[in-house]
Amino acid sequence: MHPIKKSWKVAVLDMYEGVPNEGMRCIREILAKYASMHALDLQFDEFEVRQQIQVPDTSYDIYISTGGPGSPVDSEGSSWEAAYFSLIDELLEWNRIQEVKKPVFFICHSYQIMCRYYKLGNVCKRKSPAFGVFPVHKTAAGMQEKVFSALPDPFYIVDSRDWQVIELDYENLQAMGGHVLALEKERPHVPLERATMAIRFNEHFIGTQFHPEADAAGMHMYLQQEEKKKQVVNNHGIEKYNSMISQLTDPDKIMLTHDRFITAFLDYAIYGGLSERLAAIERLVQVAAHTDNEHSFF
């Protein structure tokens, strides 16, 4: 299997607004490891969007727009959003008329503002914040999604959010050429709509509410912080805290998603299909079902 071309440029749109985070580290490491594994000439540049209003041009081959803090609603009309969505509109137009397409991946905060800007659903605050590891379930469209093809159903993700996307406008989504790919876990005892966890906006744009770049090392460091440990223990007890720490070593949970999701996105962008390593993985390998008694999020 050979790449479509020899040299690649990736633009990473940093949406963290200067806040310390693990997301940028994880993305850098995934890109560097991918380039090394495939012996690719892959250059990636970072653009600080929200503070410095840095936005790449359309000369890049692949775009990754990160998660970030704060409200995905209050920034409407801001200077940085104007610059950001000017780029998105340019990429939409590029993909409409040019033969060689430019794929874009939107993570968490970026996913939320995409849903708000294009009026795809109600971007609203959750009843309570979510942070932790838990399963998401593929929709019928998700079962056919090429980027999901090396992931089981359900698959496990890291979620960190105060906001959610619910009450989808399916007419607007279909007009864009989009499909819902995944929903949050079923909670029969909670009379609330299940939030949308992944959307393919069109043939070349895909987004997730969760953080597929998250790794066990970063999560472990986060949970070891005294303030965060105290919060979990106070709210859920020491057994739940220890459960979260222990499940980080489970290869069928977040490290499986970390190893396969963005890798598959890059495979399709660079090779036009899954690399041999991912193509060899059995589709829809089942992992143990999630229960609230075993794992928690907060």
C-alpha atoms as a PDB file:
ATOM      1  CA  MET A   1       0.000   0.000   0.000  1.00  0.00           C
ATOM      2  CA  HIS A   2       1.464   3.331  -1.061  1.00  0.00           C
ATOM      3  CA  PRO A   3       0.614   6.887   0.014  1.00  0.00           C
ATOM      4  CA  ILE A   4      -1.174   9.115  -2.483  1.00  0.00           C
ATOM      5  CA  LYS A   5       1.903  11.380  -2.521  1.00  0.00           C
ATOM      6  CA  LYS A   6       5.275  11.638  -0.771  1.00  0.00           C
ATOM      7  CA  SER A   7       5.028  14.791   1.373  1.00  0.00           C
ATOM      8  CA  TRP A   8       2.172  15.829   3.655  1.00  0.00           C
ATOM      9  CA  LYS A   9       1.295  18.959   5.589  1.00  0.00           C
ATOM     10  CA  VAL A  10      -1.055  18.850   8.587  1.00  0.00           C
ATOM     11  CA  ALA A  11      -2.504  21.970  10.212  1.00  0.00           C
ATOM     12  CA  VAL A  12      -3.374  21.607  13.909  1.00  0.00           C
ATOM     13  CA  LEU A  13      -5.821  24.313  15.019  1.00  0.00           C
ATOM     14  CA  ASP A  14      -5.142  24.811  18.731  1.00  0.00           C
ATOM     15  CA  MET A  15      -8.431  25.775  20.409  1.00  0.00           C
ATOM     16  CA  TYR A  16      -7.190  25.593  24.016  1.00  0.00           C
ATOM     17  CA  GLU A  17      -6.952  29.374  24.470  1.00  0.00           C
ATOM     18  CA  GLY A  18      -3.639  29.107  26.326  1.00  0.00           C
ATOM     19  CA  VAL A  19      -5.007  26.707  28.954  1.00  0.00           C
ATOM     20  CA  PRO A  20      -2.615  23.848  29.917  1.00  0.00           C
ATOM     21  CA  ASN A  21      -3.881  20.588  28.473  1.00  0.00           C
ATOM     22  CA  GLU A  22      -2.972  17.052  27.454  1.00  0.00           C
ATOM     23  CA  GLY A  23      -4.730  17.188  24.081  1.00  0.00           C
ATOM     24  CA  MET A  24      -1.982  18.993  22.173  1.00  0.00           C
ATOM     25  CA  ARG A  25       0.679  16.631  23.512  1.00  0.00           C
ATOM     26  CA  CYS A  26      -1.353  13.623  22.457  1.00  0.00           C
ATOM     27  CA  ILE A  27      -1.976  14.977  18.951  1.00  0.00           C
ATOM     28  CA  ARG A  28       1.713  15.813  18.453  1.00  0.00           C
ATOM     29  CA  GLU A  29       2.703  12.317  19.577  1.00  0.00           C
ATOM     30  CA  ILE A  30       0.139  10.596  17.340  1.00  0.00           C
ATOM     31  CA  LEU A  31       1.287  12.542  14.277  1.00  0.00           C
ATOM     32  CA  ALA A  32       4.979  11.976  14.999  1.00  0.00           C
ATOM     33  CA  LYS A  33       4.452   8.256  15.615  1.00  0.00           C
ATOM     34  CA  TYR A  34       2.326   7.885  12.480  1.00  0.00           C
ATOM     35  CA  ALA A  35       4.993   9.567  10.332  1.00  0.00           C
ATOM     36  CA  SER A  36       7.699   7.348  11.833  1.00  0.00           C
ATOM     37  CA  MET A  37       5.730   4.097  11.456  1.00  0.00           C
ATOM     38  CA  HIS A  38       4.971   4.799   7.798  1.00  0.00           C
ATOM     39  CA  ALA A  39       8.293   6.481   6.955  1.00  0.00           C
ATOM     40  CA  LEU A  40       6.407   9.548   5.735  1.00  0.00           C
ATOM     41  CA  ASP A  41       7.586  13.080   5.130  1.00  0.00           C
ATOM     42  CA  LEU A  42       4.868  14.602   7.331  1.00  0.00           C
ATOM     43  CA  GLN A  43       5.078  18.194   8.547  1.00  0.00           C
ATOM     44  CA  PHE A  44       2.601  19.547  11.076  1.00  0.00           C
ATOM     45  CA  ASP A  45       2.173  23.164  12.101  1.00  0.00           C
ATOM     46  CA  GLU A  46       0.161  24.553  15.019  1.00  0.00           C
ATOM     47  CA  PHE A  47      -2.097  27.613  14.938  1.00  0.00           C
ATOM     48  CA  GLU A  48      -3.316  29.341  18.126  1.00  0.00           C
ATOM     49  CA  VAL A  49      -6.837  30.279  17.066  1.00  0.00           C
ATOM     50  CA  ARG A  50      -8.689  31.803  20.009  1.00  0.00           C
ATOM     51  CA  GLN A  51      -6.079  34.141  21.508  1.00  0.00           C
ATOM     52  CA  GLN A  52      -3.825  35.011  18.586  1.00  0.00           C
ATOM     53  CA  ILE A  53      -6.387  34.471  15.796  1.00  0.00           C
ATOM     54  CA  GLN A  54      -3.924  32.327  13.878  1.00  0.00           C
ATOM     55  CA  VAL A  55      -5.629  30.424  11.066  1.00  0.00           C
ATOM     56  CA  PRO A  56      -3.901  28.387   8.356  1.00  0.00           C
ATOM     57  CA  ASP A  57      -4.479  28.868   4.656  1.00  0.00           C
ATOM     58  CA  THR A  58      -5.721  26.149   2.315  1.00  0.00           C
ATOM     59  CA  SER A  59      -2.246  24.897   1.387  1.00  0.00           C
ATOM     60  CA  TYR A  60      -2.370  22.099   3.984  1.00  0.00           C
ATOM     61  CA  ASP A  61      -3.456  18.571   3.134  1.00  0.00           C
ATOM     62  CA  ILE A  62      -5.125  17.620   6.436  1.00  0.00           C
ATOM     63  CA  TYR A  63      -6.654  19.708   9.246  1.00  0.00           C
ATOM     64  CA  ILE A  64      -7.216  18.752  12.892  1.00  0.00           C
ATOM     65  CA  SER A  65      -9.173  21.191  15.074  1.00  0.00           C
ATOM     66  CA  THR A  66      -8.780  20.464  18.785  1.00  0.00           C
ATOM     67  CA  GLY A  67     -10.901  20.543  21.895  1.00  0.00           C
ATOM     68  CA  GLY A  68     -10.763  23.473  24.269  1.00  0.00           C
ATOM     69  CA  PRO A  69     -12.245  25.135  27.362  1.00  0.00           C
ATOM     70  CA  GLY A  70     -15.226  27.391  27.827  1.00  0.00           C
ATOM     71  CA  SER A  71     -18.574  28.008  26.206  1.00  0.00           C
ATOM     72  CA  PRO A  72     -19.125  27.001  22.554  1.00  0.00           C
ATOM     73  CA  VAL A  73     -21.984  29.521  22.477  1.00  0.00           C
ATOM     74  CA  ASP A  74     -20.562  32.727  23.956  1.00  0.00           C
ATOM     75  CA  SER A  75     -17.878  33.050  21.256  1.00  0.00           C
ATOM     76  CA  GLU A  76     -20.468  33.553  18.517  1.00  0.00           C
ATOM     77  CA  GLY A  77     -19.622  36.714  16.585  1.00  0.00           C
ATOM     78  CA  SER A  78     -16.052  36.912  17.912  1.00  0.00           C
ATOM     79  CA  SER A  79     -13.105  37.866  15.717  1.00  0.00           C
ATOM     80  CA  TRP A  80     -11.494  34.461  16.059  1.00  0.00           C
ATOM     81  CA  GLU A  81     -14.678  32.676  15.051  1.00  0.00           C
ATOM     82  CA  ALA A  82     -14.998  34.866  11.965  1.00  0.00           C
ATOM     83  CA  ALA A  83     -11.466  33.880  10.913  1.00  0.00           C
ATOM     84  CA  TYR A  84     -12.041  30.232  11.825  1.00  0.00           C
ATOM     85  CA  PHE A  85     -15.266  29.811   9.866  1.00  0.00           C
ATOM     86  CA  SER A  86     -13.859  31.729   6.941  1.00  0.00           C
ATOM     87  CA  LEU A  87     -11.306  28.914   6.691  1.00  0.00           C
ATOM     88  CA  ILE A  88     -13.979  26.237   7.088  1.00  0.00           C
ATOM     89  CA  ASP A  89     -16.054  27.805   4.310  1.00  0.00           C
ATOM     90  CA  GLU A  90     -12.964  27.963   2.086  1.00  0.00           C
ATOM     91  CA  LEU A  91     -12.299  24.266   2.720  1.00  0.00           C
ATOM     92  CA  LEU A  92     -15.908  23.396   1.961  1.00  0.00           C
ATOM     93  CA  GLU A  93     -15.623  25.237  -1.339  1.00  0.00           C
ATOM     94  CA  TRP A  94     -12.243  23.616  -2.076  1.00  0.00           C
ATOM     95  CA  ASN A  95     -13.673  20.154  -1.530  1.00  0.00           C
ATOM     96  CA  ARG A  96     -16.643  21.011  -3.728  1.00  0.00           C
ATOM     97  CA  ILE A  97     -14.616  21.952  -6.808  1.00  0.00           C
ATOM     98  CA  GLN A  98     -11.131  20.441  -6.471  1.00  0.00           C
ATOM     99  CA  GLU A  99     -10.231  16.867  -7.327  1.00  0.00           C
ATOM    100  CA  VAL A 100      -7.838  16.382  -4.376  1.00  0.00           C
ATOM    101  CA  LYS A 101      -9.833  16.808  -1.171  1.00  0.00           C
ATOM    102  CA  LYS A 102      -8.795  18.194   2.228  1.00  0.00           C
ATOM    103  CA  PRO A 103     -10.164  16.213   5.201  1.00  0.00           C
ATOM    104  CA  VAL A 104     -10.866  17.926   8.519  1.00  0.00           C
ATOM    105  CA  PHE A 105     -11.306  16.375  11.973  1.00  0.00           C
ATOM    106  CA  PHE A 106     -13.119  18.357  14.697  1.00  0.00           C
ATOM    107  CA  ILE A 107     -12.656  17.420  18.380  1.00  0.00           C
ATOM    108  CA  CYS A 108     -14.988  18.317  21.298  1.00  0.00           C
ATOM    109  CA  HIS A 109     -15.126  22.158  21.427  1.00  0.00           C
ATOM    110  CA  SER A 110     -14.530  22.358  17.674  1.00  0.00           C
ATOM    111  CA  TYR A 111     -17.299  19.802  17.145  1.00  0.00           C
ATOM    112  CA  GLN A 112     -19.690  21.817  19.291  1.00  0.00           C
ATOM    113  CA  ILE A 113     -19.100  25.128  17.505  1.00  0.00           C
ATOM    114  CA  MET A 114     -19.506  23.381  14.137  1.00  0.00           C
ATOM    115  CA  CYS A 115     -22.893  22.077  15.261  1.00  0.00           C
ATOM    116  CA  ARG A 116     -23.892  25.540  16.510  1.00  0.00           C
ATOM    117  CA  TYR A 117     -22.615  27.486  13.483  1.00  0.00           C
ATOM    118  CA  TYR A 118     -24.340  25.250  10.956  1.00  0.00           C
ATOM    119  CA  LYS A 119     -27.489  24.960  13.110  1.00  0.00           C
ATOM    120  CA  LEU A 120     -27.331  21.190  13.365  1.00  0.00           C
ATOM    121  CA  GLY A 121     -28.752  20.905  16.875  1.00  0.00           C
ATOM    122  CA  ASN A 122     -29.144  22.401  20.314  1.00  0.00           C
ATOM    123  CA  VAL A 123     -25.710  23.082  21.817  1.00  0.00           C
ATOM    124  CA  CYS A 124     -26.507  23.411  25.501  1.00  0.00           C
ATOM    125  CA  LYS A 125     -25.099  22.830  28.977  1.00  0.00           C
ATOM    126  CA  ARG A 126     -25.338  19.379  30.475  1.00  0.00           C
ATOM    127  CA  LYS A 127     -27.295  18.872  33.671  1.00  0.00           C
ATOM    128  CA  SER A 128     -23.937  17.979  35.247  1.00  0.00           C
ATOM    129  CA  PRO A 129     -20.371  17.989  33.866  1.00  0.00           C
ATOM    130  CA  ALA A 130     -18.978  14.789  32.353  1.00  0.00           C
ATOM    131  CA  PHE A 131     -15.429  13.608  32.732  1.00  0.00           C
ATOM    132  CA  GLY A 132     -14.253  10.043  32.558  1.00  0.00           C
ATOM    133  CA  VAL A 133     -14.079   6.872  30.529  1.00  0.00           C
ATOM    134  CA  PHE A 134     -17.263   5.275  29.241  1.00  0.00           C
ATOM    135  CA  PRO A 135     -18.703   3.574  26.143  1.00  0.00           C
ATOM    136  CA  VAL A 136     -20.365   5.147  23.147  1.00  0.00           C
ATOM    137  CA  HIS A 137     -22.561   3.266  20.728  1.00  0.00           C
ATOM    138  CA  LYS A 138     -22.472   3.343  16.952  1.00  0.00           C
ATOM    139  CA  THR A 139     -25.575   4.258  15.004  1.00  0.00           C
ATOM    140  CA  ALA A 140     -26.516   2.437  11.785  1.00  0.00           C
ATOM    141  CA  ALA A 141     -24.467   5.054   9.898  1.00  0.00           C
ATOM    142  CA  GLY A 142     -21.637   4.578  12.383  1.00  0.00           C
ATOM    143  CA  MET A 143     -21.559   0.870  11.606  1.00  0.00           C
ATOM    144  CA  GLN A 144     -20.769   1.808   7.994  1.00  0.00           C
ATOM    145  CA  GLU A 145     -18.326   4.630   8.845  1.00  0.00           C
ATOM    146  CA  LYS A 146     -14.867   3.933   7.431  1.00  0.00           C
ATOM    147  CA  VAL A 147     -13.014   5.750  10.251  1.00  0.00           C
ATOM    148  CA  PHE A 148     -14.882   3.583  12.793  1.00  0.00           C
ATOM    149  CA  SER A 149     -14.221   0.306  10.979  1.00  0.00           C
ATOM    150  CA  ALA A 150     -11.407  -0.872  13.284  1.00  0.00           C
ATOM    151  CA  LEU A 151     -13.371  -0.068  16.452  1.00  0.00           C
ATOM    152  CA  PRO A 152     -15.773  -2.376  18.309  1.00  0.00           C
ATOM    153  CA  ASP A 153     -19.328  -1.499  19.265  1.00  0.00           C
ATOM    154  CA  PRO A 154     -19.480  -0.073  21.817  1.00  0.00           C
ATOM    155  CA  PHE A 155     -16.032   1.486  22.027  1.00  0.00           C
ATOM    156  CA  TYR A 156     -14.625   3.386  24.989  1.00  0.00           C
ATOM    157  CA  ILE A 157     -13.725   7.054  25.012  1.00  0.00           C
ATOM    158  CA  VAL A 158     -12.501   9.888  27.212  1.00  0.00           C
ATOM    159  CA  ASP A 159     -15.145  12.542  27.649  1.00  0.00           C
ATOM    160  CA  SER A 160     -14.568  15.936  29.227  1.00  0.00           C
ATOM    161  CA  ARG A 161     -17.388  18.441  28.794  1.00  0.00           C
ATOM    162  CA  ASP A 162     -19.924  20.750  30.349  1.00  0.00           C
ATOM    163  CA  TRP A 163     -21.790  21.047  27.029  1.00  0.00           C
ATOM    164  CA  GLN A 164     -23.596  18.679  24.688  1.00  0.00           C
ATOM    165  CA  VAL A 165     -25.335  18.519  21.317  1.00  0.00           C
ATOM    166  CA  ILE A 166     -28.928  17.274  21.407  1.00  0.00           C
ATOM    167  CA  GLU A 167     -32.214  17.845  19.506  1.00  0.00           C
ATOM    168  CA  LEU A 168     -30.612  17.508  16.088  1.00  0.00           C
ATOM    169  CA  ASP A 169     -32.008  19.292  13.050  1.00  0.00           C
ATOM    170  CA  TYR A 170     -31.873  16.359  10.662  1.00  0.00           C
ATOM    171  CA  GLU A 171     -32.950  18.447   7.673  1.00  0.00           C
ATOM    172  CA  ASN A 172     -29.934  20.733   8.074  1.00  0.00           C
ATOM    173  CA  LEU A 173     -27.654  17.764   8.711  1.00  0.00           C
ATOM    174  CA  GLN A 174     -28.852  15.918   5.615  1.00  0.00           C
ATOM    175  CA  ALA A 175     -28.543  19.083   3.545  1.00  0.00           C
ATOM    176  CA  MET A 176     -24.837  19.150   4.459  1.00  0.00           C
ATOM    177  CA  GLY A 177     -24.496  15.488   3.531  1.00  0.00           C
ATOM    178  CA  GLY A 178     -24.094  14.518   7.178  1.00  0.00           C
ATOM    179  CA  HIS A 179     -24.940  11.565   9.424  1.00  0.00           C
ATOM    180  CA  VAL A 180     -24.926  10.893  13.162  1.00  0.00           C
ATOM    181  CA  LEU A 181     -22.299   8.240  13.838  1.00  0.00           C
ATOM    182  CA  ALA A 182     -22.434   7.642  17.604  1.00  0.00           C
ATOM    183  CA  LEU A 183     -24.524   8.351  20.697  1.00  0.00           C
ATOM    184  CA  GLU A 184     -23.622   8.437  24.373  1.00  0.00           C
ATOM    185  CA  LYS A 185     -24.280   5.414  26.540  1.00  0.00           C
ATOM    186  CA  GLU A 186     -27.834   4.292  27.227  1.00  0.00           C
ATOM    187  CA  ARG A 187     -29.151   5.288  30.651  1.00  0.00           C
ATOM    188  CA  PRO A 188     -32.681   3.838  30.921  1.00  0.00           C
ATOM    189  CA  HIS A 189     -33.086   5.283  34.424  1.00  0.00           C
ATOM    190  CA  VAL A 190     -32.341   8.845  33.233  1.00  0.00           C
ATOM    191  CA  PRO A 191     -35.199  10.564  31.344  1.00  0.00           C
ATOM    192  CA  LEU A 192     -32.867  12.679  29.178  1.00  0.00           C
ATOM    193  CA  GLU A 193     -32.054  12.573  25.483  1.00  0.00           C
ATOM    194  CA  ARG A 194     -28.801  10.784  24.647  1.00  0.00           C
ATOM    195  CA  ALA A 195     -26.258  13.308  23.413  1.00  0.00           C
ATOM    196  CA  THR A 196     -24.730  13.005  19.969  1.00  0.00           C
ATOM    197  CA  MET A 197     -21.122  11.827  20.245  1.00  0.00           C
ATOM    198  CA  ALA A 198     -19.924  11.816  16.625  1.00  0.00           C
ATOM    199  CA  ILE A 199     -21.070  13.247  13.324  1.00  0.00           C
ATOM    200  CA  ARG A 200     -19.828  12.952   9.782  1.00  0.00           C
ATOM    201  CA  PHE A 201     -20.640  16.471   8.598  1.00  0.00           C
ATOM    202  CA  ASN A 202     -19.952  15.596   4.964  1.00  0.00           C
ATOM    203  CA  GLU A 203     -17.760  13.256   2.951  1.00  0.00           C
ATOM    204  CA  HIS A 204     -14.566  15.007   4.095  1.00  0.00           C
ATOM    205  CA  PHE A 205     -15.417  16.509   7.530  1.00  0.00           C
ATOM    206  CA  ILE A 206     -15.866  14.369  10.642  1.00  0.00           C
ATOM    207  CA  GLY A 207     -16.182  15.364  14.303  1.00  0.00           C
ATOM    208  CA  THR A 208     -16.416  13.824  17.757  1.00  0.00           C
ATOM    209  CA  GLN A 209     -17.730  15.093  21.075  1.00  0.00           C
ATOM    210  CA  PHE A 210     -15.092  12.975  22.803  1.00  0.00           C
ATOM    211  CA  HIS A 211     -11.284  13.023  22.775  1.00  0.00           C
ATOM    212  CA  PRO A 212      -9.943  10.083  20.715  1.00  0.00           C
ATOM    213  CA  GLU A 213      -6.418  11.456  21.121  1.00  0.00           C
ATOM    214  CA  ALA A 214      -6.497  10.915  24.912  1.00  0.00           C
ATOM    215  CA  ASP A 215      -4.055   8.333  26.256  1.00  0.00           C
ATOM    216  CA  ALA A 216      -3.757   6.418  29.503  1.00  0.00           C
ATOM    217  CA  ALA A 217      -0.670   8.355  30.611  1.00  0.00           C
ATOM    218  CA  GLY A 218      -2.399  11.718  30.332  1.00  0.00           C
ATOM    219  CA  MET A 219      -5.552  10.512  32.059  1.00  0.00           C
ATOM    220  CA  HIS A 220      -3.497   8.971  34.850  1.00  0.00           C
ATOM    221  CA  MET A 221      -1.599  12.235  35.402  1.00  0.00           C
ATOM    222  CA  TYR A 222      -4.868  14.160  35.467  1.00  0.00           C
ATOM    223  CA  LEU A 223      -6.520  11.854  37.987  1.00  0.00           C
ATOM    224  CA  GLN A 224      -3.442  11.893  40.213  1.00  0.00           C
ATOM    225  CA  GLN A 225      -3.769  15.656  40.734  1.00  0.00           C
ATOM    226  CA  GLU A 226      -4.745  16.214  44.355  1.00  0.00           C
ATOM    227  CA  GLU A 227      -7.683  18.502  43.568  1.00  0.00           C
ATOM    228  CA  LYS A 228      -9.140  16.107  40.986  1.00  0.00           C
ATOM    229  CA  LYS A 229      -8.602  13.057  43.209  1.00  0.00           C
ATOM    230  CA  LYS A 230     -10.344  14.824  46.085  1.00  0.00           C
ATOM    231  CA  GLN A 231     -13.268  15.732  43.823  1.00  0.00           C
ATOM    232  CA  VAL A 232     -13.745  12.148  42.655  1.00  0.00           C
ATOM    233  CA  VAL A 233     -13.393  10.614  46.105  1.00  0.00           C
ATOM    234  CA  ASN A 234     -15.764  13.153  47.679  1.00  0.00           C
ATOM    235  CA  ASN A 235     -18.404  12.641  44.977  1.00  0.00           C
ATOM    236  CA  HIS A 236     -18.045   8.923  44.247  1.00  0.00           C
ATOM    237  CA  GLY A 237     -15.888   7.281  46.904  1.00  0.00           C
ATOM    238  CA  ILE A 238     -12.418   5.797  46.876  1.00  0.00           C
ATOM    239  CA  GLU A 239     -13.569   2.563  45.189  1.00  0.00           C
ATOM    240  CA  LYS A 240     -14.838   4.445  42.142  1.00  0.00           C
ATOM    241  CA  TYR A 241     -11.606   6.446  41.999  1.00  0.00           C
ATOM    242  CA  ASN A 242      -9.480   3.298  42.141  1.00  0.00           C
ATOM    243  CA  SER A 243     -11.692   1.724  39.468  1.00  0.00           C
ATOM    244  CA  MET A 244     -11.043   4.628  37.121  1.00  0.00           C
ATOM    245  CA  ILE A 245      -7.301   4.399  37.704  1.00  0.00           C
ATOM    246  CA  SER A 246      -7.243   0.645  37.115  1.00  0.00           C
ATOM    247  CA  GLN A 247      -9.307   0.706  33.930  1.00  0.00           C
ATOM    248  CA  LEU A 248      -6.750   2.998  32.270  1.00  0.00           C
ATOM    249  CA  THR A 249      -4.526  -0.059  31.815  1.00  0.00           C
ATOM    250  CA  ASP A 250      -7.279  -2.000  30.000  1.00  0.00           C
ATOM    251  CA  PRO A 251      -6.151  -2.317  26.357  1.00  0.00           C
ATOM    252  CA  ASP A 252      -9.771  -2.665  25.191  1.00  0.00           C
ATOM    253  CA  LYS A 253     -10.761   0.784  26.404  1.00  0.00           C
ATOM    254  CA  ILE A 254      -9.248   4.202  25.748  1.00  0.00           C
ATOM    255  CA  MET A 255      -5.927   2.979  24.378  1.00  0.00           C
ATOM    256  CA  LEU A 256      -7.739   0.962  21.734  1.00  0.00           C
ATOM    257  CA  THR A 257      -9.577   4.118  20.614  1.00  0.00           C
ATOM    258  CA  HIS A 258      -6.371   6.169  20.902  1.00  0.00           C
ATOM    259  CA  ASP A 259      -4.507   3.703  18.693  1.00  0.00           C
ATOM    260  CA  ARG A 260      -7.170   3.272  16.020  1.00  0.00           C
ATOM    261  CA  PHE A 261      -9.335   6.376  15.585  1.00  0.00           C
ATOM    262  CA  ILE A 262      -7.068   9.207  14.430  1.00  0.00           C
ATOM    263  CA  THR A 263      -4.831   6.607  12.781  1.00  0.00           C
ATOM    264  CA  ALA A 264      -7.783   5.509  10.617  1.00  0.00           C
ATOM    265  CA  PHE A 265      -8.603   9.153   9.807  1.00  0.00           C
ATOM    266  CA  LEU A 266      -4.991   9.652   8.656  1.00  0.00           C
ATOM    267  CA  ASP A 267      -4.988   6.353   6.748  1.00  0.00           C
ATOM    268  CA  TYR A 268      -7.925   7.419   4.605  1.00  0.00           C
ATOM    269  CA  ALA A 269      -6.441  10.868   4.020  1.00  0.00           C
ATOM    270  CA  ILE A 270      -2.970   9.603   3.085  1.00  0.00           C
ATOM    271  CA  TYR A 271      -3.545   6.135   1.614  1.00  0.00           C
ATOM    272  CA  GLY A 272      -7.186   6.287   0.556  1.00  0.00           C
ATOM    273  CA  GLY A 273      -7.932   3.271   2.744  1.00  0.00           C
ATOM    274  CA  LEU A 274      -6.979   1.548   5.978  1.00  0.00           C
ATOM    275  CA  SER A 275      -3.325   0.648   6.392  1.00  0.00           C
ATOM    276  CA  GLU A 276      -2.502  -3.038   6.573  1.00  0.00           C
ATOM    277  CA  ARG A 277      -2.300  -2.981  10.384  1.00  0.00           C
ATOM    278  CA  LEU A 278      -5.830  -1.659  10.855  1.00  0.00           C
ATOM    279  CA  ALA A 279      -7.295  -3.519   7.892  1.00  0.00           C
ATOM    280  CA  ALA A 280      -6.277  -6.782   9.569  1.00  0.00           C
ATOM    281  CA  ILE A 281      -8.295  -6.016  12.690  1.00  0.00           C
ATOM    282  CA  GLU A 282     -11.620  -7.801  12.912  1.00  0.00           C
ATOM    283  CA  ARG A 283     -14.597  -5.458  12.536  1.00  0.00           C
ATOM    284  CA  LEU A 284     -16.972  -5.066  15.455  1.00  0.00           C
ATOM    285  CA  VAL A 285     -14.949  -7.058  17.987  1.00  0.00           C
ATOM    286  CA  GLN A 286     -17.107  -7.081  21.091  1.00  0.00           C
ATOM    287  CA  VAL A 287     -15.808  -5.829  24.431  1.00  0.00           C
ATOM    288  CA  ALA A 288     -17.445  -6.172  27.817  1.00  0.00           C
ATOM    289  CA  ALA A 289     -20.605  -4.155  28.293  1.00  0.00           C
ATOM    290  CA  HIS A 290     -20.403  -1.052  30.483  1.00  0.00           C
ATOM    291  CA  THR A 291     -22.387  -0.738  33.695  1.00  0.00           C
ATOM    292  CA  ASP A 292     -22.584   2.201  36.070  1.00  0.00           C
ATOM    293  CA  ASN A 293     -21.527  -0.060  38.919  1.00  0.00           C
ATOM    294  CA  GLU A 294     -18.169  -0.784  37.297  1.00  0.00           C
ATOM    295  CA  HIS A 295     -17.112   2.573  35.905  1.00  0.00           C
ATOM    296  CA  SER A 296     -18.000   6.185  36.486  1.00  0.00           C
ATOM    297  CA  PHE A 297     -17.668   9.582  34.905  1.00  0.00           C
ATOM    298  CA  PHE A 298     -17.953  12.966  36.537  1.00  0.00           C
END
